[in-house]
Protein backbone atom coordinates (compact mmCIF):
# COMPACT_ATOMS: atom_id res chain seq x y z
CA UNK A 1 121.91 23.70 117.00
CA UNK A 2 119.74 25.17 114.21
CA UNK A 3 119.50 23.66 110.80
CA UNK A 4 119.45 25.65 107.57
CA UNK A 5 115.77 24.97 107.07
CA UNK A 6 114.85 26.26 110.54
CA UNK A 7 116.96 29.41 110.08
CA UNK A 8 115.24 30.31 106.80
CA UNK A 9 111.83 30.05 108.42
CA UNK A 10 112.86 32.39 111.22
CA UNK A 11 114.00 35.12 108.76
CA UNK A 12 111.00 34.77 106.44
CA UNK A 13 108.40 35.28 109.19
CA UNK A 14 109.16 39.04 109.86
CA UNK A 15 109.14 39.73 106.13
CA UNK A 16 105.76 38.09 105.50
CA UNK A 17 103.98 39.63 108.53
CA UNK A 18 103.75 43.27 107.17
CA UNK A 19 102.49 41.98 103.84
CA UNK A 20 99.75 40.05 105.58
CA UNK A 21 98.75 43.13 107.64
CA UNK A 22 98.56 45.33 104.54
CA UNK A 23 96.51 42.73 102.72
CA UNK A 24 94.09 42.63 105.63
CA UNK A 25 93.53 46.43 105.44
CA UNK A 26 92.45 46.25 101.82
CA UNK A 27 88.65 45.95 101.86
CA UNK A 28 87.90 46.34 98.21
CA UNK A 29 88.83 48.00 94.91
CA UNK A 30 89.79 51.66 94.62
CA UNK A 31 86.88 54.07 95.12
CA UNK A 32 85.77 56.12 92.12
CA UNK A 33 83.26 58.94 92.60
CA UNK A 34 80.11 58.33 90.55
CA UNK A 35 79.35 60.77 87.78
CA UNK A 36 75.92 62.39 87.60
CA UNK A 37 74.54 63.87 84.41
CA UNK A 38 73.35 67.37 85.28
CA UNK A 39 71.30 69.20 82.63
CA UNK A 40 72.67 72.51 81.43
CA UNK A 41 69.36 74.27 82.08
CA UNK A 42 65.94 73.63 83.58
CA UNK A 43 63.73 71.44 81.45
CA UNK A 44 60.73 73.69 82.10
CA UNK A 45 62.62 76.70 80.73
CA UNK A 46 63.11 75.15 77.30
CA UNK A 47 59.82 73.25 77.22
CA UNK A 48 59.48 69.53 76.78
CA UNK A 49 59.01 68.05 73.35
CA UNK A 50 55.40 68.22 72.24
CA UNK A 51 54.33 70.22 75.30
CA UNK A 52 53.67 73.89 75.77
CA UNK A 53 55.93 76.00 77.93
CA UNK A 54 54.62 76.79 81.41
CA UNK A 55 52.98 80.20 81.46
CA UNK A 56 52.65 82.72 84.28
CA UNK A 57 49.09 83.75 85.15
CA UNK A 58 48.00 86.98 83.53
CA UNK A 59 47.68 90.10 85.70
CA UNK A 60 44.21 90.37 87.18
CA UNK A 61 43.44 86.68 86.60
CA UNK A 62 40.97 86.69 89.53
CA UNK A 63 38.74 89.16 87.71
CA UNK A 64 37.64 86.38 85.35
CA UNK A 65 35.46 85.00 88.16
CA UNK A 66 33.29 88.12 87.99
CA UNK A 67 33.13 88.65 91.74
CA UNK A 68 33.44 92.28 92.93
CA UNK A 69 33.85 91.02 96.48
CA UNK A 70 36.83 88.86 95.50
CA UNK A 71 38.35 91.76 93.54
CA UNK A 72 38.16 93.99 96.60
CA UNK A 73 39.71 91.37 98.89
CA UNK A 74 42.67 90.74 96.58
CA UNK A 75 43.24 94.46 95.99
CA UNK A 76 43.33 95.00 99.76
CA UNK A 77 45.77 92.09 100.17
CA UNK A 78 48.11 93.47 97.50
CA UNK A 79 48.06 96.87 99.16
CA UNK A 80 48.34 95.93 102.83
CA UNK A 81 50.12 92.56 102.81
CA UNK A 82 53.53 93.09 104.44
CA UNK A 83 55.18 90.26 102.52
CA UNK A 84 54.14 91.81 99.20
CA UNK A 85 55.30 95.26 100.28
CA UNK A 86 58.64 93.87 101.44
CA UNK A 87 59.19 92.06 98.13
CA UNK A 88 58.36 95.22 96.17
CA UNK A 89 60.81 97.23 98.30
CA UNK A 90 63.53 94.63 97.68
CA UNK A 91 62.87 94.90 93.95
CA UNK A 92 63.24 98.68 94.06
CA UNK A 93 66.54 98.33 95.93
CA UNK A 94 67.82 95.80 93.39
CA UNK A 95 66.92 98.10 90.48
CA UNK A 96 68.75 100.96 92.17
CA UNK A 97 71.80 98.74 92.62
CA UNK A 98 71.78 98.01 88.88
CA UNK A 99 71.97 101.74 88.15
CA UNK A 100 74.77 102.16 90.66
CA UNK A 101 76.74 99.21 89.29
CA UNK A 102 76.44 100.42 85.70
CA UNK A 103 77.42 104.03 86.42
CA UNK A 104 81.23 103.39 86.34
CA UNK A 105 80.90 102.06 82.78
CA UNK A 106 79.75 105.49 81.59
CA UNK A 107 82.05 108.50 81.06
CA UNK A 108 82.17 111.20 83.72
CA UNK A 109 81.38 114.68 82.40
CA UNK A 110 81.96 117.89 84.36
CA UNK A 111 80.81 121.30 83.18
CA UNK A 112 81.71 124.52 85.00
CA UNK A 113 80.90 128.12 84.17
CA UNK A 114 81.08 131.57 85.74
CA UNK A 115 80.50 135.16 84.71
CA UNK A 116 81.70 138.58 85.87
CA UNK A 117 80.33 142.02 85.18
CA UNK A 118 82.19 145.25 86.00
CA UNK A 119 81.23 148.85 85.32
CA UNK A 120 83.61 151.86 85.62
CA UNK A 121 83.10 155.60 85.07
CA UNK A 122 85.70 157.94 83.42
CA UNK A 123 85.51 161.75 83.65
CA UNK A 124 86.55 164.22 80.96
CA UNK A 125 89.86 164.87 82.76
CA UNK A 126 90.79 161.21 82.46
CA UNK A 127 90.19 160.07 86.06
CA UNK A 128 88.29 156.83 86.49
CA UNK A 129 86.26 155.48 89.37
CA UNK A 130 84.66 152.07 89.69
CA UNK A 131 80.98 152.17 90.49
CA UNK A 132 77.75 150.44 89.77
CA UNK A 133 76.15 153.60 88.55
CA UNK A 134 76.98 156.63 86.38
CA UNK A 135 77.99 159.77 88.32
CA UNK A 136 77.62 163.25 87.02
CA UNK A 137 79.89 166.10 88.34
CA UNK A 138 80.49 169.76 87.68
CA UNK A 139 83.75 169.13 85.83
CA UNK A 140 82.05 167.83 82.72
CA UNK A 141 80.51 164.75 81.14
CA UNK A 142 81.19 161.29 82.54
CA UNK A 143 81.71 158.18 80.34
CA UNK A 144 80.63 154.73 81.55
CA UNK A 145 82.68 151.64 80.64
CA UNK A 146 81.09 148.19 81.19
CA UNK A 147 83.19 145.02 81.16
CA UNK A 148 81.83 141.45 81.06
CA UNK A 149 83.85 138.26 81.52
CA UNK A 150 82.53 134.73 80.96
CA UNK A 151 84.36 131.44 81.55
CA UNK A 152 83.17 127.97 80.54
CA UNK A 153 84.99 124.75 81.44
CA UNK A 154 84.30 121.22 80.16
CA UNK A 155 85.94 118.04 81.40
CA UNK A 156 85.26 114.42 80.40
CA UNK A 157 86.92 111.29 81.76
CA UNK A 158 86.44 107.57 81.32
CA UNK A 159 87.94 104.69 83.26
CA UNK A 160 88.67 101.55 81.28
CA UNK A 161 87.31 98.34 82.74
CA UNK A 162 90.48 96.48 81.89
CA UNK A 163 89.88 93.37 84.02
CA UNK A 164 86.09 93.34 83.61
CA UNK A 165 85.40 93.88 87.32
CA UNK A 166 82.86 96.63 86.78
CA UNK A 167 81.05 94.72 84.05
CA UNK A 168 80.89 91.61 86.23
CA UNK A 169 79.45 93.71 89.06
CA UNK A 170 76.80 95.01 86.67
CA UNK A 171 75.89 91.48 85.56
CA UNK A 172 75.65 90.36 89.17
CA UNK A 173 73.39 93.31 90.00
CA UNK A 174 71.20 92.53 86.97
CA UNK A 175 70.89 88.89 88.02
CA UNK A 176 70.00 89.99 91.54
CA UNK A 177 67.35 92.34 90.15
CA UNK A 178 65.90 89.55 88.01
CA UNK A 179 65.71 87.29 91.07
CA UNK A 180 64.08 90.08 93.08
CA UNK A 181 61.53 90.62 90.31
CA UNK A 182 60.67 86.93 90.21
CA UNK A 183 60.45 86.86 94.01
CA UNK A 184 58.10 89.86 94.06
CA UNK A 185 55.87 88.24 91.43
CA UNK A 186 55.90 84.95 93.35
CA UNK A 187 55.01 86.58 96.66
CA UNK A 188 52.20 88.57 95.02
CA UNK A 189 50.82 85.47 93.29
CA UNK A 190 51.00 83.52 96.57
CA UNK A 191 49.02 86.22 98.38
CA UNK A 192 46.46 86.44 95.57
CA UNK A 193 45.95 82.68 95.36
CA UNK A 194 45.72 82.41 99.16
CA UNK A 195 42.96 85.02 99.28
CA UNK A 196 41.12 83.43 96.35
CA UNK A 197 41.37 79.93 97.88
CA UNK A 198 40.07 81.16 101.23
CA UNK A 199 37.23 83.01 99.50
CA UNK A 200 36.16 79.93 97.54
CA UNK A 201 36.35 77.78 100.67
CA UNK A 202 34.09 80.28 102.41
CA UNK A 203 31.60 80.03 99.55
CA UNK A 204 31.75 76.23 99.73
CA UNK A 205 31.07 76.32 103.49
CA UNK A 206 28.11 78.61 102.90
CA UNK A 207 26.69 76.21 100.31
CA UNK A 208 27.20 73.28 102.66
CA UNK A 209 25.46 75.16 105.45
CA UNK A 210 22.54 76.03 103.16
CA UNK A 211 22.19 72.40 102.10
CA UNK A 212 22.43 71.21 105.70
CA UNK A 213 19.73 73.65 106.82
CA UNK A 214 17.46 72.49 104.00
CA UNK A 215 18.01 68.84 104.92
CA UNK A 216 17.30 69.61 108.57
CA UNK A 217 14.09 71.39 107.64
CA UNK A 218 12.98 68.45 105.50
CA UNK A 219 13.89 65.96 108.23
CA UNK A 220 11.89 67.88 110.83
CA UNK A 221 8.91 67.98 108.50
CA UNK A 222 9.11 64.25 107.98
CA UNK A 223 9.40 63.71 111.74
CA UNK A 224 6.24 65.74 112.31
CA UNK A 225 4.46 63.64 109.72
CA UNK A 226 5.65 60.34 111.25
CA UNK A 227 4.53 61.41 114.70
CA UNK A 228 1.08 62.18 113.31
CA UNK A 229 0.99 58.79 111.60
CA UNK A 230 2.12 57.11 114.84
CA UNK A 231 -0.77 58.68 116.69
CA UNK A 232 -3.07 57.46 113.96
CA UNK A 233 -1.63 53.95 114.26
CA UNK A 234 -0.16 53.86 110.77
CA UNK A 235 3.55 53.93 111.76
CA UNK A 236 5.38 52.08 114.53
CA UNK A 237 7.42 53.72 117.29
CA UNK A 238 10.91 52.57 116.12
CA UNK A 239 10.43 54.43 112.82
CA UNK A 240 9.59 57.63 114.67
CA UNK A 241 12.62 57.19 116.98
CA UNK A 242 14.91 56.58 114.02
CA UNK A 243 13.74 59.78 112.32
CA UNK A 244 14.13 61.72 115.58
CA UNK A 245 17.74 60.54 115.87
CA UNK A 246 18.40 61.65 112.28
CA UNK A 247 17.00 65.11 113.06
CA UNK A 248 19.20 65.43 116.14
CA UNK A 249 22.29 64.40 114.16
CA UNK A 250 21.64 66.94 111.40
CA UNK A 251 20.88 69.66 113.93
CA UNK A 252 24.26 69.05 115.56
CA UNK A 253 26.04 69.33 112.19
CA UNK A 254 24.70 72.76 111.22
CA UNK A 255 26.60 74.81 113.88
CA UNK A 256 29.90 73.38 112.67
CA UNK A 257 29.32 74.94 109.25
CA UNK A 258 28.69 78.47 110.48
């Protein structure tokens, strides 16, 4: 026999179990996506306060170094570099697309014209004959009648861009052309700077090689002098060996700079 207290516990257990399961699934407060402040435009485009705006190098900037050899190398790179030529071709295509996208915004004009010339001859008796020349017969004088007809037709039409589709296409083509222009300038500047950097590195290697050859020459001269002093008993053998090792080390360095 069940008491009232035992019966109430039996009916409360199924009701509490789902609530406990749902409470166990809750791991924390509701998730809210964080907000990130995104600037409306690039900071470099407007220029920071108190700082100058970034400037693009002037055309022919490498000529300020006064090196005809460098000028020739960069001119050859601009002419024969496939990346530069590809970027220039893409720019030309983008400019052509701008013209094509803007054409529907202009009126269409059609002009047609034709002309006709006819010449007919009439005799004194009243008979006529069509010909391209004047005929003379025995019946009398012949009269020539020339007729000219000219027609000129003009037609103009314009399609309203009611929903702005054509204008949006033009703006998209203009933005694409601007991006292609910037890309062409970037590719050209990259090629120019790469050639200039390589050229200056070559000059630096040549200077290092010249300095290394001078040091090797001086070290060999000092070694010759130490060997003479060793024979004369002025210098000991370890000093001569140390100088000989220095000469060998410098001689091994020079080929790496050529």
